[in-house]
C-alpha atoms as a PDB file:
ATOM      1  CA  MET A   1      13.789 -21.486   4.998  1.00  0.00           C
ATOM      2  CA  GLY A   2      15.774 -20.484   8.076  1.00  0.00           C
ATOM      3  CA  GLN A   3      16.446 -17.208   9.648  1.00  0.00           C
ATOM      4  CA  LYS A   4      18.287 -15.321   6.982  1.00  0.00           C
ATOM      5  CA  CYS A   5      17.918 -11.815   5.539  1.00  0.00           C
ATOM      6  CA  ASP A   6      17.343 -11.892   1.835  1.00  0.00           C
ATOM      7  CA  ALA A   7      18.914  -8.415   1.261  1.00  0.00           C
ATOM      8  CA  CYS A   8      22.168  -8.731   3.324  1.00  0.00           C
ATOM      9  CA  GLY A   9      22.376 -12.379   4.380  1.00  0.00           C
ATOM     10  CA  LYS A  10      22.414 -11.675   8.088  1.00  0.00           C
ATOM     11  CA  THR A  11      22.048 -14.924  10.084  1.00  0.00           C
ATOM     12  CA  PRO A  12      21.847 -15.823  13.784  1.00  0.00           C
ATOM     13  CA  VAL A  13      24.966 -15.519  15.708  1.00  0.00           C
ATOM     14  CA  ILE A  14      25.787 -17.505  18.813  1.00  0.00           C
ATOM     15  CA  GLY A  15      26.861 -15.681  21.874  1.00  0.00           C
ATOM     16  CA  ASN A  16      26.915 -15.904  25.912  1.00  0.00           C
ATOM     17  CA  ARG A  17      24.321 -15.163  28.473  1.00  0.00           C
ATOM     18  CA  VAL A  18      26.273 -14.054  31.588  1.00  0.00           C
ATOM     19  CA  ARG A  19      24.699 -14.202  34.973  1.00  0.00           C
ATOM     20  CA  GLN A  20      25.975 -12.022  37.717  1.00  0.00           C
ATOM     21  CA  ARG A  21      25.572 -11.124  41.300  1.00  0.00           C
ATOM     22  CA  GLY A  22      26.902  -8.464  43.542  1.00  0.00           C
ATOM     23  CA  LYS A  23      27.063  -4.628  43.801  1.00  0.00           C
ATOM     24  CA  TYR A  24      29.223  -2.541  41.611  1.00  0.00           C
ATOM     25  CA  LYS A  25      32.393  -1.070  43.233  1.00  0.00           C
ATOM     26  CA  TYR A  26      31.586   2.563  42.401  1.00  0.00           C
ATOM     27  CA  LEU A  27      28.292   2.009  44.498  1.00  0.00           C
ATOM     28  CA  GLY A  28      30.386   0.716  47.444  1.00  0.00           C
ATOM     29  CA  GLY A  29      30.114  -3.016  46.751  1.00  0.00           C
ATOM     30  CA  ASN A  30      32.632  -5.785  46.263  1.00  0.00           C
ATOM     31  CA  GLY A  31      32.349  -5.748  42.432  1.00  0.00           C
ATOM     32  CA  ARG A  32      30.182  -7.942  40.139  1.00  0.00           C
ATOM     33  CA  GLN A  33      30.852 -11.669  40.127  1.00  0.00           C
ATOM     34  CA  THR A  34      30.058 -13.996  37.249  1.00  0.00           C
ATOM     35  CA  THR A  35      28.012 -16.904  38.497  1.00  0.00           C
ATOM     36  CA  GLY A  36      27.248 -18.644  35.318  1.00  0.00           C
ATOM     37  CA  VAL A  37      27.795 -18.362  31.510  1.00  0.00           C
ATOM     38  CA  SER A  38      25.424 -20.235  29.124  1.00  0.00           C
ATOM     39  CA  LYS A  39      24.930 -20.143  25.325  1.00  0.00           C
ATOM     40  CA  ARG A  40      22.368 -17.964  23.693  1.00  0.00           C
ATOM     41  CA  VAL A  41      21.383 -16.971  20.050  1.00  0.00           C
ATOM     42  CA  PHE A  42      21.169 -13.453  18.712  1.00  0.00           C
ATOM     43  CA  ARG A  43      18.533 -13.663  15.946  1.00  0.00           C
ATOM     44  CA  PRO A  44      18.189 -11.036  13.359  1.00  0.00           C
ATOM     45  CA  ASN A  45      14.922  -8.826  13.335  1.00  0.00           C
ATOM     46  CA  LEU A  46      13.273 -10.270  10.107  1.00  0.00           C
ATOM     47  CA  GLN A  47      10.156  -8.697   8.851  1.00  0.00           C
ATOM     48  CA  LYS A  48       8.010 -10.254   5.918  1.00  0.00           C
ATOM     49  CA  ILE A  49       7.635  -7.359   3.489  1.00  0.00           C
ATOM     50  CA  ARG A  50       6.557  -6.861  -0.183  1.00  0.00           C
ATOM     51  CA  VAL A  51       9.723  -5.659  -2.049  1.00  0.00           C
ATOM     52  CA  GLN A  52      10.122  -3.999  -5.536  1.00  0.00           C
ATOM     53  CA  VAL A  53      12.658  -6.139  -7.488  1.00  0.00           C
ATOM     54  CA  GLY A  54      13.281  -4.913 -10.967  1.00  0.00           C
ATOM     55  CA  GLY A  55       9.751  -4.574 -12.491  1.00  0.00           C
ATOM     56  CA  SER A  56       8.136  -7.242 -10.268  1.00  0.00           C
ATOM     57  CA  VAL A  57       6.961  -7.408  -6.674  1.00  0.00           C
ATOM     58  CA  GLN A  58       8.262 -10.178  -4.376  1.00  0.00           C
ATOM     59  CA  THR A  59       7.702 -10.996  -0.726  1.00  0.00           C
ATOM     60  CA  GLN A  60      10.846 -11.408   1.005  1.00  0.00           C
ATOM     61  CA  ARG A  61      12.082 -11.748   4.857  1.00  0.00           C
ATOM     62  CA  VAL A  62      14.261  -8.694   5.341  1.00  0.00           C
ATOM     63  CA  CYS A  63      15.966  -7.399   8.558  1.00  0.00           C
ATOM     64  CA  THR A  64      14.927  -4.111   9.768  1.00  0.00           C
ATOM     65  CA  GLN A  65      18.374  -2.616   9.426  1.00  0.00           C
ATOM     66  CA  CYS A  66      18.092  -3.165   5.640  1.00  0.00           C
ATOM     67  CA  ILE A  67      14.616  -1.667   5.601  1.00  0.00           C
ATOM     68  CA  ARG A  68      15.667   1.429   7.619  1.00  0.00           C
ATOM     69  CA  SER A  69      18.872   2.032   5.512  1.00  0.00           C
ATOM     70  CA  GLY A  70      17.079   1.793   2.241  1.00  0.00           C
ATOM     71  CA  LYS A  71      18.798  -1.276   0.938  1.00  0.00           C
ATOM     72  CA  VAL A  72      15.237  -2.498  -0.214  1.00  0.00           C
ATOM     73  CA  THR A  73      12.490  -0.378  -1.781  1.00  0.00           C
ATOM     74  CA  LYS A  74       9.003  -1.191  -0.355  1.00  0.00           C
ATOM     75  CA  ALA A  75       6.188  -1.953  -3.057  1.00  0.00           C
ATOM     76  CA  VAL A  76       3.729   0.653  -3.434  1.00  0.00           C
ATOM     77  CA  ALA A  77       0.195  -0.737  -2.767  1.00  0.00           C
ATOM     78  CA  ARG A  78      -1.592   1.847  -4.884  1.00  0.00           C
ATOM     79  CA  LYS A  79      -0.733   4.935  -6.685  1.00  0.00           C
ATOM     80  CA  PRO A  80      -0.906   8.047  -4.569  1.00  0.00           C
ATOM     81  CA  PHE A  81      -4.017  10.288  -4.897  1.00  0.00           C
ATOM     82  CA  SER A  82      -3.774  13.044  -7.245  1.00  0.00           C
ATOM     83  CA  LEU A  83      -6.562  15.597  -8.064  1.00  0.00           C
ATOM     84  CA  PRO A  84      -7.855  15.492 -11.629  1.00  0.00           C
ATOM     85  CA  ALA A  85      -6.453  18.194 -14.033  1.00  0.00           C
ATOM     86  CA  THR A  86      -8.882  20.944 -14.612  1.00  0.00           C
END
C-alpha cells in the first residue's frame, strides 16, 4: 500500500538529521558546531477517512493538508437533524 496520499500523491521525502553542540554566538558562545549528519525520513501525516467520491463513499488515506484545504469532502455519516414541518 505504501505511504502515499490518495488525493495529492504526497510521498515520504528523505532528508538529514543534524546533531549539533555548542552555544549560539549571540548568547556569548563560540557558535553551533555540527557533530554528525545522518539520514532520516519525513513522512506525510496520513489519516484514514471516508471520502465522498462522485455518488459513492470510499475509505482513503489522505494527508491532513488535503483534509484541511478542502481537496476532499468527508462523507456524511447521517443526515443532520431537522424539526418536522408543522
